[in-house]
Amino acid sequence: LVSAVLESYLFSFFYLYVLAGYYINKGLLAKWKTWVIGVLALGTFLLCCGFQLFAYAQPANYLVAHDFPVMLFCAVFTFEFIRRTAHLCAKLEKPINYISRISFAIYFLHIVIMTILTRIISMSGWYYWCKLLFLEGSSVGGSILLIMLFSNIKPIRKYVFLIK
């Protein structure tokens, strides 16, 4: 029941992220200094991680996701910081652009991979932070790998991963 209620709000939260991205693209944070954006990106990321570690220690095992308000701010500030600083290292510009193009697919695919991993791998003896790092790293890395492998198939790229 709880899962069904949360999933029913998926698209309402999704629209908040889309609107935030739209307004960032229109210059909402243009007057803010880059170092402030960087500090806010790091700070909100640490808040998300800290809350996730706290939540893992609770009996309910809440997963920080799109419905966690700090996650929206983390996404906004991180995106803006990366957008502003990508040109500083020419070697990173191409991978950052690629990840930006596939980020929507990563978002949806990593949840599926994380769910599968938690069902097939027993992590009962793991430290909370190890479990968090493993699940996030494996699910995001696995998502990127799957997208790289299957995005050469046009219908999958267009209709499954929604890559233009």
C-alpha atoms as a PDB file:
ATOM      1  CA  LEU A   1       0.000   0.000   0.000  1.00  0.00           C
ATOM      2  CA  VAL A   2       2.756   2.465   0.935  1.00  0.00           C
ATOM      3  CA  SER A   3       4.657   1.659  -2.264  1.00  0.00           C
ATOM      4  CA  ALA A   4       1.525   2.172  -4.369  1.00  0.00           C
ATOM      5  CA  VAL A   5       0.878   5.558  -2.749  1.00  0.00           C
ATOM      6  CA  LEU A   6       4.458   6.688  -3.334  1.00  0.00           C
ATOM      7  CA  GLU A   7       4.412   5.462  -6.930  1.00  0.00           C
ATOM      8  CA  SER A   8       1.172   7.341  -7.563  1.00  0.00           C
ATOM      9  CA  TYR A   9       3.058  10.577  -6.828  1.00  0.00           C
ATOM     10  CA  LEU A  10       5.978   9.689  -9.125  1.00  0.00           C
ATOM     11  CA  PHE A  11       4.871  11.895 -11.978  1.00  0.00           C
ATOM     12  CA  SER A  12       4.003  14.870  -9.775  1.00  0.00           C
ATOM     13  CA  PHE A  13       7.559  14.794  -8.391  1.00  0.00           C
ATOM     14  CA  PHE A  14       8.922  14.201 -11.874  1.00  0.00           C
ATOM     15  CA  TYR A  15       7.312  17.444 -13.055  1.00  0.00           C
ATOM     16  CA  LEU A  16       9.054  19.371 -10.275  1.00  0.00           C
ATOM     17  CA  TYR A  17      12.398  18.140 -11.589  1.00  0.00           C
ATOM     18  CA  VAL A  18      11.467  19.019 -15.161  1.00  0.00           C
ATOM     19  CA  LEU A  19      10.352  22.515 -14.114  1.00  0.00           C
ATOM     20  CA  ALA A  20      13.524  23.019 -12.094  1.00  0.00           C
ATOM     21  CA  GLY A  21      15.626  22.022 -15.106  1.00  0.00           C
ATOM     22  CA  TYR A  22      13.631  24.372 -17.336  1.00  0.00           C
ATOM     23  CA  TYR A  23      14.160  27.346 -15.028  1.00  0.00           C
ATOM     24  CA  ILE A  24      17.858  26.577 -14.592  1.00  0.00           C
ATOM     25  CA  ASN A  25      18.176  26.576 -18.378  1.00  0.00           C
ATOM     26  CA  LYS A  26      16.405  29.955 -18.447  1.00  0.00           C
ATOM     27  CA  GLY A  27      18.981  31.436 -16.051  1.00  0.00           C
ATOM     28  CA  LEU A  28      17.295  31.149 -12.655  1.00  0.00           C
ATOM     29  CA  LEU A  29      20.686  30.804 -10.935  1.00  0.00           C
ATOM     30  CA  ALA A  30      22.691  32.948 -13.365  1.00  0.00           C
ATOM     31  CA  LYS A  31      23.418  35.677 -10.799  1.00  0.00           C
ATOM     32  CA  TRP A  32      24.668  33.233  -8.170  1.00  0.00           C
ATOM     33  CA  LYS A  33      28.426  32.783  -7.849  1.00  0.00           C
ATOM     34  CA  THR A  34      29.819  29.417  -8.948  1.00  0.00           C
ATOM     35  CA  TRP A  35      31.494  28.746  -5.601  1.00  0.00           C
ATOM     36  CA  VAL A  36      28.133  29.256  -3.812  1.00  0.00           C
ATOM     37  CA  ILE A  37      26.486  26.796  -6.200  1.00  0.00           C
ATOM     38  CA  GLY A  38      29.320  24.312  -5.541  1.00  0.00           C
ATOM     39  CA  VAL A  39      29.017  24.626  -1.763  1.00  0.00           C
ATOM     40  CA  LEU A  40      25.231  24.172  -1.978  1.00  0.00           C
ATOM     41  CA  ALA A  41      25.639  21.152  -4.263  1.00  0.00           C
ATOM     42  CA  LEU A  42      28.072  19.532  -1.846  1.00  0.00           C
ATOM     43  CA  GLY A  43      26.017  20.498   1.207  1.00  0.00           C
ATOM     44  CA  THR A  44      22.737  19.137  -0.145  1.00  0.00           C
ATOM     45  CA  PHE A  45      24.506  15.974  -1.324  1.00  0.00           C
ATOM     46  CA  LEU A  46      25.913  15.431   2.163  1.00  0.00           C
ATOM     47  CA  LEU A  47      22.458  16.052   3.654  1.00  0.00           C
ATOM     48  CA  CYS A  48      20.945  13.425   1.338  1.00  0.00           C
ATOM     49  CA  CYS A  49      23.690  10.929   2.202  1.00  0.00           C
ATOM     50  CA  GLY A  50      23.442  11.679   5.911  1.00  0.00           C
ATOM     51  CA  PHE A  51      19.689  11.278   5.923  1.00  0.00           C
ATOM     52  CA  GLN A  52      20.001   8.049   3.940  1.00  0.00           C
ATOM     53  CA  LEU A  53      22.468   6.647   6.454  1.00  0.00           C
ATOM     54  CA  PHE A  54      20.117   7.650   9.274  1.00  0.00           C
ATOM     55  CA  ALA A  55      17.149   6.105   7.441  1.00  0.00           C
ATOM     56  CA  TYR A  56      19.026   2.830   6.844  1.00  0.00           C
ATOM     57  CA  ALA A  57      19.532   2.555  10.595  1.00  0.00           C
ATOM     58  CA  GLN A  58      15.742   2.696  11.142  1.00  0.00           C
ATOM     59  CA  PRO A  59      13.507  -0.379  10.942  1.00  0.00           C
ATOM     60  CA  ALA A  60      11.620   0.913   7.872  1.00  0.00           C
ATOM     61  CA  ASN A  61      14.752   1.247   5.644  1.00  0.00           C
ATOM     62  CA  TYR A  62      13.482   4.341   3.815  1.00  0.00           C
ATOM     63  CA  LEU A  63      15.349   5.021   0.578  1.00  0.00           C
ATOM     64  CA  VAL A  64      16.071   8.648  -0.270  1.00  0.00           C
ATOM     65  CA  ALA A  65      14.449   9.170  -3.649  1.00  0.00           C
ATOM     66  CA  HIS A  66      12.665  11.703  -5.821  1.00  0.00           C
ATOM     67  CA  ASP A  67      10.137  12.402  -3.038  1.00  0.00           C
ATOM     68  CA  PHE A  68      12.830  13.692  -0.639  1.00  0.00           C
ATOM     69  CA  PRO A  69      12.798  17.533  -0.957  1.00  0.00           C
ATOM     70  CA  VAL A  70      16.549  17.942  -0.407  1.00  0.00           C
ATOM     71  CA  MET A  71      17.143  15.640  -3.392  1.00  0.00           C
ATOM     72  CA  LEU A  72      15.547  18.201  -5.711  1.00  0.00           C
ATOM     73  CA  PHE A  73      17.869  20.944  -4.460  1.00  0.00           C
ATOM     74  CA  CYS A  74      20.844  18.589  -4.674  1.00  0.00           C
ATOM     75  CA  ALA A  75      19.979  17.822  -8.297  1.00  0.00           C
ATOM     76  CA  VAL A  76      19.489  21.507  -9.150  1.00  0.00           C
ATOM     77  CA  PHE A  77      22.735  22.733  -7.591  1.00  0.00           C
ATOM     78  CA  THR A  78      24.803  19.794  -8.831  1.00  0.00           C
ATOM     79  CA  PHE A  79      23.503  20.168 -12.376  1.00  0.00           C
ATOM     80  CA  GLU A  80      24.194  23.898 -12.381  1.00  0.00           C
ATOM     81  CA  PHE A  81      27.683  23.434 -10.937  1.00  0.00           C
ATOM     82  CA  ILE A  82      28.616  20.779 -13.495  1.00  0.00           C
ATOM     83  CA  ARG A  83      27.145  22.876 -16.308  1.00  0.00           C
ATOM     84  CA  ARG A  84      29.255  25.862 -15.301  1.00  0.00           C
ATOM     85  CA  THR A  85      32.514  24.009 -14.738  1.00  0.00           C
ATOM     86  CA  ALA A  86      32.521  21.330 -17.472  1.00  0.00           C
ATOM     87  CA  HIS A  87      34.565  23.519 -19.805  1.00  0.00           C
ATOM     88  CA  LEU A  88      37.435  23.715 -17.283  1.00  0.00           C
ATOM     89  CA  CYS A  89      38.612  20.241 -18.210  1.00  0.00           C
ATOM     90  CA  ALA A  90      38.308  19.456 -21.906  1.00  0.00           C
ATOM     91  CA  LYS A  91      38.697  15.722 -21.247  1.00  0.00           C
ATOM     92  CA  LEU A  92      35.583  15.721 -19.039  1.00  0.00           C
ATOM     93  CA  GLU A  93      33.388  17.748 -21.364  1.00  0.00           C
ATOM     94  CA  LYS A  94      32.474  14.835 -23.659  1.00  0.00           C
ATOM     95  CA  PRO A  95      31.625  12.354 -20.836  1.00  0.00           C
ATOM     96  CA  ILE A  96      29.649  15.025 -18.975  1.00  0.00           C
ATOM     97  CA  ASN A  97      27.653  15.834 -22.106  1.00  0.00           C
ATOM     98  CA  TYR A  98      27.001  12.116 -22.642  1.00  0.00           C
ATOM     99  CA  ILE A  99      25.848  11.572 -19.063  1.00  0.00           C
ATOM    100  CA  SER A 100      23.669  14.662 -19.356  1.00  0.00           C
ATOM    101  CA  ARG A 101      21.980  13.198 -22.451  1.00  0.00           C
ATOM    102  CA  ILE A 102      21.353   9.838 -20.774  1.00  0.00           C
ATOM    103  CA  SER A 103      20.546  11.124 -17.268  1.00  0.00           C
ATOM    104  CA  PHE A 104      16.800  10.572 -17.634  1.00  0.00           C
ATOM    105  CA  ALA A 105      17.401   6.934 -18.566  1.00  0.00           C
ATOM    106  CA  ILE A 106      19.887   6.539 -15.700  1.00  0.00           C
ATOM    107  CA  TYR A 107      17.308   7.888 -13.280  1.00  0.00           C
ATOM    108  CA  PHE A 108      14.700   5.277 -14.146  1.00  0.00           C
ATOM    109  CA  LEU A 109      17.025   2.365 -14.855  1.00  0.00           C
ATOM    110  CA  HIS A 110      19.121   2.645 -11.687  1.00  0.00           C
ATOM    111  CA  ILE A 111      16.032   2.105  -9.531  1.00  0.00           C
ATOM    112  CA  VAL A 112      15.309  -1.184 -11.303  1.00  0.00           C
ATOM    113  CA  ILE A 113      18.920  -2.342 -10.939  1.00  0.00           C
ATOM    114  CA  MET A 114      19.014  -1.336  -7.275  1.00  0.00           C
ATOM    115  CA  THR A 115      15.795  -3.251  -6.583  1.00  0.00           C
ATOM    116  CA  ILE A 116      17.178  -6.363  -8.283  1.00  0.00           C
ATOM    117  CA  LEU A 117      20.457  -6.107  -6.356  1.00  0.00           C
ATOM    118  CA  THR A 118      18.710  -5.811  -2.994  1.00  0.00           C
ATOM    119  CA  ARG A 119      16.680  -8.933  -3.772  1.00  0.00           C
ATOM    120  CA  ILE A 120      19.525 -11.157  -4.974  1.00  0.00           C
ATOM    121  CA  ILE A 121      22.381 -10.037  -2.689  1.00  0.00           C
ATOM    122  CA  SER A 122      22.172 -10.453   1.072  1.00  0.00           C
ATOM    123  CA  MET A 123      23.634  -7.339   2.665  1.00  0.00           C
ATOM    124  CA  SER A 124      22.578  -8.038   6.229  1.00  0.00           C
ATOM    125  CA  GLY A 125      26.126  -7.860   7.652  1.00  0.00           C
ATOM    126  CA  TRP A 126      27.195  -4.788   5.694  1.00  0.00           C
ATOM    127  CA  TYR A 127      27.807  -1.388   7.227  1.00  0.00           C
ATOM    128  CA  TYR A 128      25.110   1.052   6.191  1.00  0.00           C
ATOM    129  CA  TRP A 129      27.483   3.332   4.314  1.00  0.00           C
ATOM    130  CA  CYS A 130      29.005   0.355   2.455  1.00  0.00           C
ATOM    131  CA  LYS A 131      25.559  -0.813   1.421  1.00  0.00           C
ATOM    132  CA  LEU A 132      24.659   2.704   0.258  1.00  0.00           C
ATOM    133  CA  LEU A 133      27.862   3.149  -1.748  1.00  0.00           C
ATOM    134  CA  PHE A 134      27.582  -0.309  -3.286  1.00  0.00           C
ATOM    135  CA  LEU A 135      23.935   0.089  -4.295  1.00  0.00           C
ATOM    136  CA  GLU A 136      24.381   3.588  -5.709  1.00  0.00           C
ATOM    137  CA  GLY A 137      27.640   2.837  -7.503  1.00  0.00           C
ATOM    138  CA  SER A 138      26.453  -0.461  -8.928  1.00  0.00           C
ATOM    139  CA  SER A 139      23.048   0.801  -9.983  1.00  0.00           C
ATOM    140  CA  VAL A 140      24.268   4.018 -11.612  1.00  0.00           C
ATOM    141  CA  GLY A 141      27.319   2.329 -13.162  1.00  0.00           C
ATOM    142  CA  GLY A 142      25.196  -0.601 -14.345  1.00  0.00           C
ATOM    143  CA  SER A 143      22.656   1.808 -15.816  1.00  0.00           C
ATOM    144  CA  ILE A 144      25.338   3.629 -17.797  1.00  0.00           C
ATOM    145  CA  LEU A 145      26.757   0.320 -19.020  1.00  0.00           C
ATOM    146  CA  LEU A 146      23.334  -0.987 -20.121  1.00  0.00           C
ATOM    147  CA  ILE A 147      22.536   2.291 -21.852  1.00  0.00           C
ATOM    148  CA  MET A 148      25.868   2.199 -23.684  1.00  0.00           C
ATOM    149  CA  LEU A 149      25.228  -1.387 -24.785  1.00  0.00           C
ATOM    150  CA  PHE A 150      21.629  -1.010 -25.919  1.00  0.00           C
ATOM    151  CA  SER A 151      21.374   2.616 -27.078  1.00  0.00           C
ATOM    152  CA  ASN A 152      22.690   1.655 -30.530  1.00  0.00           C
ATOM    153  CA  ILE A 153      19.298   0.025 -31.153  1.00  0.00           C
ATOM    154  CA  LYS A 154      17.187   2.978 -32.327  1.00  0.00           C
ATOM    155  CA  PRO A 155      13.781   1.919 -30.913  1.00  0.00           C
ATOM    156  CA  ILE A 156      15.330   1.173 -27.514  1.00  0.00           C
ATOM    157  CA  ARG A 157      17.270   4.445 -27.527  1.00  0.00           C
ATOM    158  CA  LYS A 158      14.203   6.459 -28.482  1.00  0.00           C
ATOM    159  CA  TYR A 159      11.328   4.737 -26.657  1.00  0.00           C
ATOM    160  CA  VAL A 160      12.939   2.960 -23.701  1.00  0.00           C
ATOM    161  CA  PHE A 161      15.792   5.301 -22.780  1.00  0.00           C
ATOM    162  CA  LEU A 162      14.136   8.435 -24.246  1.00  0.00           C
ATOM    163  CA  ILE A 163      17.417   9.624 -25.773  1.00  0.00           C
ATOM    164  CA  LYS A 164      17.109  12.018 -28.696  1.00  0.00           C
END
